[in-house]
Protein backbone atom coordinates (compact mmCIF):
# COMPACT_ATOMS: atom_id res chain seq x y z
CA MET A 1 76.94 103.57 91.81
CA LYS A 2 78.87 106.11 93.85
CA SER A 3 81.94 105.47 95.99
CA VAL A 4 82.69 106.97 99.39
CA THR A 5 85.43 106.61 101.98
CA LEU A 6 84.35 106.94 105.60
CA LYS A 7 86.28 107.89 108.73
CA ILE A 8 84.93 105.80 111.61
CA ASP A 9 85.59 106.73 115.24
CA GLY A 10 85.55 104.30 118.16
CA MET A 11 86.86 101.21 116.36
CA SER A 12 89.69 99.41 118.16
CA CYS A 13 89.62 95.70 117.27
CA ASP A 14 88.48 92.99 114.87
CA HIS A 15 85.11 92.81 116.63
CA CYS A 16 84.55 96.46 115.70
CA VAL A 17 85.45 95.71 112.08
CA ARG A 18 82.92 92.85 112.02
CA ALA A 19 80.22 95.03 113.62
CA VAL A 20 80.66 97.78 111.03
CA ARG A 21 80.83 95.26 108.18
CA HIS A 22 77.59 93.66 109.42
CA ALA A 23 75.84 97.05 109.69
CA LEU A 24 76.86 97.91 106.12
CA ALA A 25 75.91 94.47 104.78
CA GLU A 26 72.35 94.99 106.02
CA LEU A 27 71.88 97.99 103.73
CA PRO A 28 70.37 97.49 100.28
CA GLN A 29 72.54 98.25 97.25
CA VAL A 30 75.74 98.79 99.23
CA ASP A 31 78.92 97.07 98.04
CA ILE A 32 81.58 96.95 100.76
CA GLN A 33 85.02 97.57 99.27
CA SER A 34 86.96 97.52 102.56
CA VAL A 35 86.48 97.89 106.30
CA GLU A 36 89.50 98.51 108.53
CA ILE A 37 89.93 99.89 112.02
CA GLY A 38 89.02 103.55 111.62
CA SER A 39 87.77 103.54 108.04
CA ALA A 40 85.63 101.94 105.37
CA THR A 41 85.18 102.33 101.64
CA VAL A 42 81.87 101.44 100.03
CA ARG A 43 80.06 101.76 96.72
CA TYR A 44 76.36 102.51 96.94
CA ASP A 45 73.33 103.25 94.83
CA GLU A 46 72.08 106.83 95.04
CA SER A 47 68.73 105.50 96.29
CA THR A 48 70.50 104.34 99.45
CA GLY A 49 72.37 107.59 100.05
CA ALA A 50 75.44 108.36 102.14
CA GLU A 51 73.29 109.59 105.03
CA ARG A 52 71.74 106.14 105.42
CA ILE A 53 75.20 104.55 105.45
CA LEU A 54 76.38 106.95 108.16
CA ALA A 55 73.23 106.29 110.20
CA ALA A 56 73.77 102.51 110.05
CA ILE A 57 77.32 102.87 111.37
CA GLU A 58 76.16 105.21 114.13
CA GLU A 59 73.40 102.75 115.10
CA ALA A 60 76.15 100.12 115.45
CA GLY A 61 77.77 102.38 118.05
CA TYR A 62 80.46 104.22 116.09
CA GLY A 63 80.92 107.79 114.94
CA ALA A 64 81.24 108.21 111.19
CA ARG A 65 81.76 110.89 108.58
CA THR A 66 82.53 110.91 104.89
CA THR A 67 86.04 111.86 103.85
CA THR A 68 86.03 111.45 100.06
CA THR A 69 83.58 110.77 97.27
CA ASP A 70 83.92 109.69 93.62
CA ALA A 71 85.37 113.10 92.79
CA GLY A 72 87.99 112.77 95.52
CA GLU A 73 86.60 115.74 97.40
CA ALA A 74 85.13 115.96 100.86
CA PRO A 75 81.34 116.29 100.54
CA ASP A 76 79.34 119.10 102.08
CA ALA A 77 77.61 116.72 104.53
């Protein structure tokens, strides 16, 4: 499994945290490490892909981008 930290825009309260957590929990083979206002860290299977994770957060109404990966570097996405 890979690990990624996400920057999430538009979150301002506990309801937002729950909405993002719910969106991530719906994805197969995603292990939520943490969700806080403005960020989340997840582990995921390569078959799920970071793009699918970002899309799920955006469908929940928030902007999202990856900030770090397993290697600690910002990805090219």
